[in-house]
């Protein structure tokens, strides 16, 4: 007998799916450190070759596109962040860290955070729960060994938050996640109606470079928004976050934003942000901790 279709579900079924992982209390603090008006959470997913490897694409052309991120993109990004004294968070698949010796150390030495981003950029929703768990725990051990510190946060690869991801996050004792999209500002994750104490620092495709710049020569996937158009969108996102006193979070990829015409718009964006008084550049871990302990409005 076939499973029921969604339109045939009773209330307990559809309500159960919705309430498995839900946004709880808002965590916009009464104030940011130093009296800042806005918290700026820059993040970089250092995927490099792992999405291609995950999909079994092992020819040199596709892998070279990822290698660009480590070879060219990361050094450019680190120089730019140093210029603006902007501590940021690098979400790193463990295989990326193992492929590029010393990269994690360069992040840590520059004052940035290293956080979890899977083992080989796997698709969690396609994995058996025991495989997702084993890969995540193995990745945590690897990043700790290479960076010198145990990660306190995670971004699931491709923001693919499975039915089992939260259980694994809780088992690891992580402080925050940055994969979900229920708000502009931080909130506490609720599991089946119960608060977890885990902070969500939300993402959104609007604030992700790959949503605008992805290119696949074998399909119709093409970048249709010019870099200066993306700059306009991100600047507006920041301006409203500043006016509201909230969080401006951005998700970037070294192999994407690291290109010349794109690093230009990131530079212009940071110049715009830095022209405002009361901006707190902080890692995701710092923002999550303050959001949880700083008191809400």
C-alpha atoms as a PDB file:
ATOM      1  CA  UNK A   1       0.000   0.000   0.000  1.00  0.00           C
ATOM      2  CA  UNK A   2       1.415   3.394  -1.004  1.00  0.00           C
ATOM      3  CA  UNK A   3       2.078   6.139   1.500  1.00  0.00           C
ATOM      4  CA  UNK A   4      -0.493   8.858   1.953  1.00  0.00           C
ATOM      5  CA  UNK A   5      -0.086  11.974  -0.149  1.00  0.00           C
ATOM      6  CA  UNK A   6       0.421  15.275   1.711  1.00  0.00           C
ATOM      7  CA  UNK A   7      -3.137  16.364   0.942  1.00  0.00           C
ATOM      8  CA  UNK A   8      -4.311  13.219   2.715  1.00  0.00           C
ATOM      9  CA  UNK A   9      -2.367  13.817   5.939  1.00  0.00           C
ATOM     10  CA  UNK A  10      -4.264  14.397   9.149  1.00  0.00           C
ATOM     11  CA  UNK A  11      -3.425  17.374  11.330  1.00  0.00           C
ATOM     12  CA  UNK A  12      -1.065  15.492  13.628  1.00  0.00           C
ATOM     13  CA  UNK A  13       1.038  14.476  10.620  1.00  0.00           C
ATOM     14  CA  UNK A  14       1.493  17.851   8.945  1.00  0.00           C
ATOM     15  CA  UNK A  15       1.804  19.624  12.274  1.00  0.00           C
ATOM     16  CA  UNK A  16       4.442  17.113  13.373  1.00  0.00           C
ATOM     17  CA  UNK A  17       6.584  17.812  10.307  1.00  0.00           C
ATOM     18  CA  UNK A  18       6.385  21.568  10.837  1.00  0.00           C
ATOM     19  CA  UNK A  19       7.143  21.451  14.547  1.00  0.00           C
ATOM     20  CA  UNK A  20      10.118  19.071  14.382  1.00  0.00           C
ATOM     21  CA  UNK A  21      12.525  22.018  14.050  1.00  0.00           C
ATOM     22  CA  UNK A  22      11.045  25.455  14.585  1.00  0.00           C
ATOM     23  CA  UNK A  23      12.034  29.023  15.371  1.00  0.00           C
ATOM     24  CA  UNK A  24      11.670  29.830  19.061  1.00  0.00           C
ATOM     25  CA  UNK A  25      12.186  33.020  20.998  1.00  0.00           C
ATOM     26  CA  UNK A  26      13.827  35.888  19.088  1.00  0.00           C
ATOM     27  CA  UNK A  27      17.349  36.696  20.218  1.00  0.00           C
ATOM     28  CA  UNK A  28      17.927  40.260  19.110  1.00  0.00           C
ATOM     29  CA  UNK A  29      19.785  41.656  22.140  1.00  0.00           C
ATOM     30  CA  UNK A  30      18.988  44.937  23.820  1.00  0.00           C
ATOM     31  CA  UNK A  31      22.346  46.244  22.662  1.00  0.00           C
ATOM     32  CA  UNK A  32      25.444  45.088  20.849  1.00  0.00           C
ATOM     33  CA  UNK A  33      28.932  45.255  22.422  1.00  0.00           C
ATOM     34  CA  UNK A  34      30.334  48.741  22.718  1.00  0.00           C
ATOM     35  CA  UNK A  35      26.929  50.230  22.030  1.00  0.00           C
ATOM     36  CA  UNK A  36      27.069  49.179  18.370  1.00  0.00           C
ATOM     37  CA  UNK A  37      23.958  49.628  16.252  1.00  0.00           C
ATOM     38  CA  UNK A  38      24.397  46.524  14.083  1.00  0.00           C
ATOM     39  CA  UNK A  39      26.257  43.209  14.135  1.00  0.00           C
ATOM     40  CA  UNK A  40      27.945  42.204  10.864  1.00  0.00           C
ATOM     41  CA  UNK A  41      28.450  38.456  10.430  1.00  0.00           C
ATOM     42  CA  UNK A  42      30.606  37.756   7.393  1.00  0.00           C
ATOM     43  CA  UNK A  43      31.030  34.092   6.537  1.00  0.00           C
ATOM     44  CA  UNK A  44      32.984  32.195   3.913  1.00  0.00           C
ATOM     45  CA  UNK A  45      32.221  28.605   2.934  1.00  0.00           C
ATOM     46  CA  UNK A  46      35.637  27.280   1.879  1.00  0.00           C
ATOM     47  CA  UNK A  47      34.224  24.458  -0.208  1.00  0.00           C
ATOM     48  CA  UNK A  48      37.012  24.445  -2.804  1.00  0.00           C
ATOM     49  CA  UNK A  49      37.054  21.045  -4.576  1.00  0.00           C
ATOM     50  CA  UNK A  50      34.580  19.259  -2.302  1.00  0.00           C
ATOM     51  CA  UNK A  51      31.261  19.797  -4.168  1.00  0.00           C
ATOM     52  CA  UNK A  52      32.824  18.301  -7.297  1.00  0.00           C
ATOM     53  CA  UNK A  53      34.357  15.418  -5.349  1.00  0.00           C
ATOM     54  CA  UNK A  54      31.031  14.755  -3.612  1.00  0.00           C
ATOM     55  CA  UNK A  55      29.364  14.368  -6.999  1.00  0.00           C
ATOM     56  CA  UNK A  56      32.137  12.161  -8.370  1.00  0.00           C
ATOM     57  CA  UNK A  57      33.304  14.853 -10.788  1.00  0.00           C
ATOM     58  CA  UNK A  58      37.020  14.151 -10.776  1.00  0.00           C
ATOM     59  CA  UNK A  59      38.217  15.633 -14.068  1.00  0.00           C
ATOM     60  CA  UNK A  60      40.758  18.468 -13.810  1.00  0.00           C
ATOM     61  CA  UNK A  61      38.511  21.230 -15.180  1.00  0.00           C
ATOM     62  CA  UNK A  62      35.874  21.143 -12.454  1.00  0.00           C
ATOM     63  CA  UNK A  63      38.419  20.563  -9.718  1.00  0.00           C
ATOM     64  CA  UNK A  64      40.481  23.546 -10.883  1.00  0.00           C
ATOM     65  CA  UNK A  65      37.489  25.826 -10.342  1.00  0.00           C
ATOM     66  CA  UNK A  66      37.490  24.813  -6.686  1.00  0.00           C
ATOM     67  CA  UNK A  67      41.261  25.050  -6.426  1.00  0.00           C
ATOM     68  CA  UNK A  68      40.978  28.718  -7.428  1.00  0.00           C
ATOM     69  CA  UNK A  69      39.190  29.360  -4.147  1.00  0.00           C
ATOM     70  CA  UNK A  70      42.130  28.150  -2.087  1.00  0.00           C
ATOM     71  CA  UNK A  71      44.881  29.445  -4.382  1.00  0.00           C
ATOM     72  CA  UNK A  72      43.546  32.929  -5.182  1.00  0.00           C
ATOM     73  CA  UNK A  73      40.259  33.598  -3.398  1.00  0.00           C
ATOM     74  CA  UNK A  74      41.316  32.931   0.189  1.00  0.00           C
ATOM     75  CA  UNK A  75      44.444  35.163   0.113  1.00  0.00           C
ATOM     76  CA  UNK A  76      42.412  38.015  -1.392  1.00  0.00           C
ATOM     77  CA  UNK A  77      39.697  37.614   1.220  1.00  0.00           C
ATOM     78  CA  UNK A  78      42.141  37.512   4.120  1.00  0.00           C
ATOM     79  CA  UNK A  79      43.833  40.699   2.924  1.00  0.00           C
ATOM     80  CA  UNK A  80      40.466  42.436   2.622  1.00  0.00           C
ATOM     81  CA  UNK A  81      39.291  41.348   6.067  1.00  0.00           C
ATOM     82  CA  UNK A  82      42.558  42.546   7.580  1.00  0.00           C
ATOM     83  CA  UNK A  83      42.062  45.949   5.973  1.00  0.00           C
ATOM     84  CA  UNK A  84      38.663  46.334   7.656  1.00  0.00           C
ATOM     85  CA  UNK A  85      39.614  44.576  10.903  1.00  0.00           C
ATOM     86  CA  UNK A  86      36.634  42.291  10.336  1.00  0.00           C
ATOM     87  CA  UNK A  87      36.800  38.968  12.196  1.00  0.00           C
ATOM     88  CA  UNK A  88      34.751  36.456  10.225  1.00  0.00           C
ATOM     89  CA  UNK A  89      33.744  32.804  10.192  1.00  0.00           C
ATOM     90  CA  UNK A  90      35.078  30.217   7.758  1.00  0.00           C
ATOM     91  CA  UNK A  91      32.865  27.138   7.392  1.00  0.00           C
ATOM     92  CA  UNK A  92      35.188  24.432   6.088  1.00  0.00           C
ATOM     93  CA  UNK A  93      34.478  20.890   4.856  1.00  0.00           C
ATOM     94  CA  UNK A  94      37.076  18.632   6.454  1.00  0.00           C
ATOM     95  CA  UNK A  95      38.298  17.373   3.086  1.00  0.00           C
ATOM     96  CA  UNK A  96      39.008  20.981   2.035  1.00  0.00           C
ATOM     97  CA  UNK A  97      41.067  21.459   5.181  1.00  0.00           C
ATOM     98  CA  UNK A  98      43.003  18.262   4.509  1.00  0.00           C
ATOM     99  CA  UNK A  99      43.641  19.174   0.868  1.00  0.00           C
ATOM    100  CA  UNK A 100      45.029  22.621   1.648  1.00  0.00           C
ATOM    101  CA  UNK A 101      47.652  22.310   4.322  1.00  0.00           C
ATOM    102  CA  UNK A 102      47.953  25.361   6.550  1.00  0.00           C
ATOM    103  CA  UNK A 103      44.768  27.074   5.371  1.00  0.00           C
ATOM    104  CA  UNK A 104      42.948  26.622   8.686  1.00  0.00           C
ATOM    105  CA  UNK A 105      45.972  27.967  10.530  1.00  0.00           C
ATOM    106  CA  UNK A 106      45.906  31.073   8.334  1.00  0.00           C
ATOM    107  CA  UNK A 107      42.315  31.706   9.415  1.00  0.00           C
ATOM    108  CA  UNK A 108      43.059  31.236  13.091  1.00  0.00           C
ATOM    109  CA  UNK A 109      46.248  33.318  12.982  1.00  0.00           C
ATOM    110  CA  UNK A 110      44.242  36.187  11.459  1.00  0.00           C
ATOM    111  CA  UNK A 111      41.668  36.065  14.270  1.00  0.00           C
ATOM    112  CA  UNK A 112      38.872  34.303  12.397  1.00  0.00           C
ATOM    113  CA  UNK A 113      36.627  31.432  13.455  1.00  0.00           C
ATOM    114  CA  UNK A 114      36.707  27.949  11.919  1.00  0.00           C
ATOM    115  CA  UNK A 115      33.359  26.127  11.957  1.00  0.00           C
ATOM    116  CA  UNK A 116      31.885  22.872  10.676  1.00  0.00           C
ATOM    117  CA  UNK A 117      30.648  22.410   7.112  1.00  0.00           C
ATOM    118  CA  UNK A 118      30.496  18.647   6.712  1.00  0.00           C
ATOM    119  CA  UNK A 119      33.096  16.128   5.619  1.00  0.00           C
ATOM    120  CA  UNK A 120      33.061  16.344   1.797  1.00  0.00           C
ATOM    121  CA  UNK A 121      30.139  18.750   1.341  1.00  0.00           C
ATOM    122  CA  UNK A 122      27.781  15.775   1.478  1.00  0.00           C
ATOM    123  CA  UNK A 123      24.037  16.043   0.959  1.00  0.00           C
ATOM    124  CA  UNK A 124      22.716  15.182   4.403  1.00  0.00           C
ATOM    125  CA  UNK A 125      19.128  14.537   3.362  1.00  0.00           C
ATOM    126  CA  UNK A 126      20.314  11.714   1.083  1.00  0.00           C
ATOM    127  CA  UNK A 127      22.386  10.004   3.781  1.00  0.00           C
ATOM    128  CA  UNK A 128      21.358   7.385   6.319  1.00  0.00           C
ATOM    129  CA  UNK A 129      21.309   9.033   9.763  1.00  0.00           C
ATOM    130  CA  UNK A 130      24.282   6.987  10.983  1.00  0.00           C
ATOM    131  CA  UNK A 131      26.354   8.148   7.990  1.00  0.00           C
ATOM    132  CA  UNK A 132      25.511  11.813   8.591  1.00  0.00           C
ATOM    133  CA  UNK A 133      26.465  11.422  12.234  1.00  0.00           C
ATOM    134  CA  UNK A 134      29.748   9.658  11.528  1.00  0.00           C
ATOM    135  CA  UNK A 135      30.813  12.199   8.904  1.00  0.00           C
ATOM    136  CA  UNK A 136      29.937  15.168  11.123  1.00  0.00           C
ATOM    137  CA  UNK A 137      31.794  13.791  14.129  1.00  0.00           C
ATOM    138  CA  UNK A 138      34.780  12.893  11.977  1.00  0.00           C
ATOM    139  CA  UNK A 139      34.782  16.404  10.522  1.00  0.00           C
ATOM    140  CA  UNK A 140      34.699  17.959  13.998  1.00  0.00           C
ATOM    141  CA  UNK A 141      37.697  15.878  15.062  1.00  0.00           C
ATOM    142  CA  UNK A 142      39.598  16.851  11.909  1.00  0.00           C
ATOM    143  CA  UNK A 143      38.962  20.587  12.238  1.00  0.00           C
ATOM    144  CA  UNK A 144      39.957  20.474  15.903  1.00  0.00           C
ATOM    145  CA  UNK A 145      43.218  18.742  15.051  1.00  0.00           C
ATOM    146  CA  UNK A 146      44.096  21.127  12.226  1.00  0.00           C
ATOM    147  CA  UNK A 147      42.907  24.402  13.775  1.00  0.00           C
ATOM    148  CA  UNK A 148      43.750  23.762  17.429  1.00  0.00           C
ATOM    149  CA  UNK A 149      40.213  24.414  18.678  1.00  0.00           C
ATOM    150  CA  UNK A 150      36.992  22.427  18.755  1.00  0.00           C
ATOM    151  CA  UNK A 151      34.343  24.012  16.484  1.00  0.00           C
ATOM    152  CA  UNK A 152      31.337  25.474  18.317  1.00  0.00           C
ATOM    153  CA  UNK A 153      29.119  26.057  15.285  1.00  0.00           C
ATOM    154  CA  UNK A 154      27.971  24.404  12.094  1.00  0.00           C
ATOM    155  CA  UNK A 155      26.579  25.206   8.681  1.00  0.00           C
ATOM    156  CA  UNK A 156      25.221  22.070   7.073  1.00  0.00           C
ATOM    157  CA  UNK A 157      26.560  21.607   3.531  1.00  0.00           C
ATOM    158  CA  UNK A 158      24.296  23.356   1.017  1.00  0.00           C
ATOM    159  CA  UNK A 159      22.144  24.333   4.047  1.00  0.00           C
ATOM    160  CA  UNK A 160      20.807  20.761   3.791  1.00  0.00           C
ATOM    161  CA  UNK A 161      19.415  20.389   7.312  1.00  0.00           C
ATOM    162  CA  UNK A 162      18.119  16.814   7.503  1.00  0.00           C
ATOM    163  CA  UNK A 163      15.587  15.277   9.869  1.00  0.00           C
ATOM    164  CA  UNK A 164      18.552  14.086  11.947  1.00  0.00           C
ATOM    165  CA  UNK A 165      20.855  17.122  11.838  1.00  0.00           C
ATOM    166  CA  UNK A 166      19.587  18.732  15.028  1.00  0.00           C
ATOM    167  CA  UNK A 167      20.083  15.548  17.036  1.00  0.00           C
ATOM    168  CA  UNK A 168      23.707  15.385  15.846  1.00  0.00           C
ATOM    169  CA  UNK A 169      24.241  19.082  16.604  1.00  0.00           C
ATOM    170  CA  UNK A 170      22.964  18.520  20.145  1.00  0.00           C
ATOM    171  CA  UNK A 171      25.145  15.443  20.605  1.00  0.00           C
ATOM    172  CA  UNK A 172      28.199  17.499  19.629  1.00  0.00           C
ATOM    173  CA  UNK A 173      27.215  20.209  22.103  1.00  0.00           C
ATOM    174  CA  UNK A 174      27.418  22.946  19.484  1.00  0.00           C
ATOM    175  CA  UNK A 175      26.415  26.464  20.465  1.00  0.00           C
ATOM    176  CA  UNK A 176      24.899  27.555  17.163  1.00  0.00           C
ATOM    177  CA  UNK A 177      23.774  26.601  13.679  1.00  0.00           C
ATOM    178  CA  UNK A 178      23.743  28.762  10.553  1.00  0.00           C
ATOM    179  CA  UNK A 179      21.684  26.822   8.013  1.00  0.00           C
ATOM    180  CA  UNK A 180      18.030  27.817   8.539  1.00  0.00           C
ATOM    181  CA  UNK A 181      15.970  30.781   7.356  1.00  0.00           C
ATOM    182  CA  UNK A 182      13.109  31.597   9.735  1.00  0.00           C
ATOM    183  CA  UNK A 183      14.212  35.157  10.603  1.00  0.00           C
ATOM    184  CA  UNK A 184      16.623  37.960   9.764  1.00  0.00           C
ATOM    185  CA  UNK A 185      18.054  37.925  13.276  1.00  0.00           C
ATOM    186  CA  UNK A 186      19.137  35.220  15.694  1.00  0.00           C
ATOM    187  CA  UNK A 187      16.605  32.956  17.373  1.00  0.00           C
ATOM    188  CA  UNK A 188      16.602  29.900  19.600  1.00  0.00           C
ATOM    189  CA  UNK A 189      15.935  26.584  17.869  1.00  0.00           C
ATOM    190  CA  UNK A 190      12.953  24.651  19.208  1.00  0.00           C
ATOM    191  CA  UNK A 191      12.704  20.870  18.769  1.00  0.00           C
ATOM    192  CA  UNK A 192       9.203  19.369  18.939  1.00  0.00           C
ATOM    193  CA  UNK A 193       8.053  22.316  21.021  1.00  0.00           C
ATOM    194  CA  UNK A 194      11.002  22.265  23.443  1.00  0.00           C
ATOM    195  CA  UNK A 195      13.688  25.001  23.526  1.00  0.00           C
ATOM    196  CA  UNK A 196      17.171  23.628  22.818  1.00  0.00           C
ATOM    197  CA  UNK A 197      19.447  26.474  23.908  1.00  0.00           C
ATOM    198  CA  UNK A 198      21.013  26.372  20.425  1.00  0.00           C
ATOM    199  CA  UNK A 199      21.204  29.700  18.615  1.00  0.00           C
ATOM    200  CA  UNK A 200      20.267  29.936  14.950  1.00  0.00           C
ATOM    201  CA  UNK A 201      22.114  32.634  12.997  1.00  0.00           C
ATOM    202  CA  UNK A 202      19.937  32.585   9.870  1.00  0.00           C
ATOM    203  CA  UNK A 203      21.068  32.520   6.267  1.00  0.00           C
ATOM    204  CA  UNK A 204      19.170  33.425   3.085  1.00  0.00           C
ATOM    205  CA  UNK A 205      19.786  32.963  -0.640  1.00  0.00           C
ATOM    206  CA  UNK A 206      19.426  36.737  -1.064  1.00  0.00           C
ATOM    207  CA  UNK A 207      22.675  37.089   0.883  1.00  0.00           C
ATOM    208  CA  UNK A 208      24.592  34.256  -0.833  1.00  0.00           C
ATOM    209  CA  UNK A 209      26.978  34.893  -3.726  1.00  0.00           C
ATOM    210  CA  UNK A 210      26.365  31.547  -5.449  1.00  0.00           C
ATOM    211  CA  UNK A 211      22.700  32.391  -5.946  1.00  0.00           C
ATOM    212  CA  UNK A 212      23.771  35.150  -8.339  1.00  0.00           C
ATOM    213  CA  UNK A 213      27.018  33.935  -9.852  1.00  0.00           C
ATOM    214  CA  UNK A 214      26.698  30.164 -10.408  1.00  0.00           C
ATOM    215  CA  UNK A 215      27.536  28.982 -13.925  1.00  0.00           C
ATOM    216  CA  UNK A 216      27.079  25.535 -15.487  1.00  0.00           C
ATOM    217  CA  UNK A 217      28.128  25.231 -19.111  1.00  0.00           C
ATOM    218  CA  UNK A 218      26.055  22.078 -19.687  1.00  0.00           C
ATOM    219  CA  UNK A 219      22.726  23.505 -18.499  1.00  0.00           C
ATOM    220  CA  UNK A 220      20.837  26.793 -18.687  1.00  0.00           C
ATOM    221  CA  UNK A 221      22.228  27.854 -15.284  1.00  0.00           C
ATOM    222  CA  UNK A 222      23.862  31.219 -15.893  1.00  0.00           C
ATOM    223  CA  UNK A 223      24.672  34.323 -13.835  1.00  0.00           C
ATOM    224  CA  UNK A 224      22.086  36.904 -14.825  1.00  0.00           C
ATOM    225  CA  UNK A 225      22.697  39.574 -12.175  1.00  0.00           C
ATOM    226  CA  UNK A 226      25.777  41.748 -12.739  1.00  0.00           C
ATOM    227  CA  UNK A 227      28.096  42.207  -9.754  1.00  0.00           C
ATOM    228  CA  UNK A 228      27.067  45.846  -9.241  1.00  0.00           C
ATOM    229  CA  UNK A 229      23.443  44.737  -9.078  1.00  0.00           C
ATOM    230  CA  UNK A 230      24.310  42.272  -6.336  1.00  0.00           C
ATOM    231  CA  UNK A 231      26.149  45.032  -4.492  1.00  0.00           C
ATOM    232  CA  UNK A 232      22.950  47.101  -4.528  1.00  0.00           C
ATOM    233  CA  UNK A 233      20.931  44.230  -3.015  1.00  0.00           C
ATOM    234  CA  UNK A 234      23.467  43.552  -0.259  1.00  0.00           C
ATOM    235  CA  UNK A 235      23.835  47.244   0.544  1.00  0.00           C
ATOM    236  CA  UNK A 236      20.064  47.526   0.987  1.00  0.00           C
ATOM    237  CA  UNK A 237      20.079  44.420   3.214  1.00  0.00           C
ATOM    238  CA  UNK A 238      22.729  46.026   5.410  1.00  0.00           C
ATOM    239  CA  UNK A 239      20.973  49.401   5.538  1.00  0.00           C
ATOM    240  CA  UNK A 240      17.748  47.872   6.862  1.00  0.00           C
ATOM    241  CA  UNK A 241      19.649  45.715   9.372  1.00  0.00           C
ATOM    242  CA  UNK A 242      21.385  48.870  10.569  1.00  0.00           C
ATOM    243  CA  UNK A 243      18.117  50.767  10.886  1.00  0.00           C
ATOM    244  CA  UNK A 244      16.559  47.882  12.846  1.00  0.00           C
ATOM    245  CA  UNK A 245      19.573  47.311  15.085  1.00  0.00           C
ATOM    246  CA  UNK A 246      19.837  43.679  14.047  1.00  0.00           C
ATOM    247  CA  UNK A 247      22.249  41.329  12.288  1.00  0.00           C
ATOM    248  CA  UNK A 248      23.598  41.609   8.766  1.00  0.00           C
ATOM    249  CA  UNK A 249      24.744  38.115   7.758  1.00  0.00           C
ATOM    250  CA  UNK A 250      26.452  37.275   4.463  1.00  0.00           C
ATOM    251  CA  UNK A 251      27.425  33.881   2.990  1.00  0.00           C
ATOM    252  CA  UNK A 252      30.287  33.904   0.496  1.00  0.00           C
ATOM    253  CA  UNK A 253      32.512  31.336  -1.224  1.00  0.00           C
ATOM    254  CA  UNK A 254      36.204  31.944  -1.972  1.00  0.00           C
ATOM    255  CA  UNK A 255      35.986  30.282  -5.404  1.00  0.00           C
ATOM    256  CA  UNK A 256      33.116  32.633  -6.291  1.00  0.00           C
ATOM    257  CA  UNK A 257      33.542  36.004  -4.531  1.00  0.00           C
ATOM    258  CA  UNK A 258      37.340  35.777  -4.902  1.00  0.00           C
ATOM    259  CA  UNK A 259      37.285  36.681  -8.600  1.00  0.00           C
ATOM    260  CA  UNK A 260      38.411  40.174  -9.560  1.00  0.00           C
ATOM    261  CA  UNK A 261      35.072  41.727 -10.507  1.00  0.00           C
ATOM    262  CA  UNK A 262      33.442  40.228  -7.419  1.00  0.00           C
ATOM    263  CA  UNK A 263      36.057  41.050  -4.820  1.00  0.00           C
ATOM    264  CA  UNK A 264      35.550  44.623  -6.017  1.00  0.00           C
ATOM    265  CA  UNK A 265      31.899  44.614  -4.942  1.00  0.00           C
ATOM    266  CA  UNK A 266      32.755  43.028  -1.587  1.00  0.00           C
ATOM    267  CA  UNK A 267      35.303  45.799  -1.088  1.00  0.00           C
ATOM    268  CA  UNK A 268      32.691  48.444  -1.946  1.00  0.00           C
ATOM    269  CA  UNK A 269      30.204  46.819   0.414  1.00  0.00           C
ATOM    270  CA  UNK A 270      32.679  46.803   3.312  1.00  0.00           C
ATOM    271  CA  UNK A 271      33.552  50.429   2.590  1.00  0.00           C
ATOM    272  CA  UNK A 272      29.837  51.274   2.790  1.00  0.00           C
ATOM    273  CA  UNK A 273      29.429  49.344   6.040  1.00  0.00           C
ATOM    274  CA  UNK A 274      32.536  50.875   7.599  1.00  0.00           C
ATOM    275  CA  UNK A 275      31.304  54.372   6.781  1.00  0.00           C
ATOM    276  CA  UNK A 276      28.608  53.946   9.446  1.00  0.00           C
ATOM    277  CA  UNK A 277      29.123  54.519  13.154  1.00  0.00           C
ATOM    278  CA  UNK A 278      28.349  51.688  15.542  1.00  0.00           C
ATOM    279  CA  UNK A 279      29.234  48.637  13.440  1.00  0.00           C
ATOM    280  CA  UNK A 280      30.350  45.477  15.227  1.00  0.00           C
ATOM    281  CA  UNK A 281      32.205  43.057  12.946  1.00  0.00           C
ATOM    282  CA  UNK A 282      32.157  39.700  14.717  1.00  0.00           C
ATOM    283  CA  UNK A 283      32.379  35.973  14.161  1.00  0.00           C
ATOM    284  CA  UNK A 284      29.233  33.893  14.113  1.00  0.00           C
ATOM    285  CA  UNK A 285      30.249  32.385  17.451  1.00  0.00           C
ATOM    286  CA  UNK A 286      30.635  35.823  19.061  1.00  0.00           C
ATOM    287  CA  UNK A 287      27.269  37.003  17.758  1.00  0.00           C
ATOM    288  CA  UNK A 288      25.491  33.806  18.804  1.00  0.00           C
ATOM    289  CA  UNK A 289      26.949  34.018  22.309  1.00  0.00           C
ATOM    290  CA  UNK A 290      25.966  37.653  22.738  1.00  0.00           C
ATOM    291  CA  UNK A 291      22.509  37.049  21.302  1.00  0.00           C
ATOM    292  CA  UNK A 292      21.907  34.293  23.826  1.00  0.00           C
ATOM    293  CA  UNK A 293      23.281  36.149  26.858  1.00  0.00           C
ATOM    294  CA  UNK A 294      22.768  39.834  26.015  1.00  0.00           C
ATOM    295  CA  UNK A 295      19.057  40.027  26.760  1.00  0.00           C
ATOM    296  CA  UNK A 296      16.349  40.509  24.156  1.00  0.00           C
ATOM    297  CA  UNK A 297      14.444  43.675  23.338  1.00  0.00           C
END
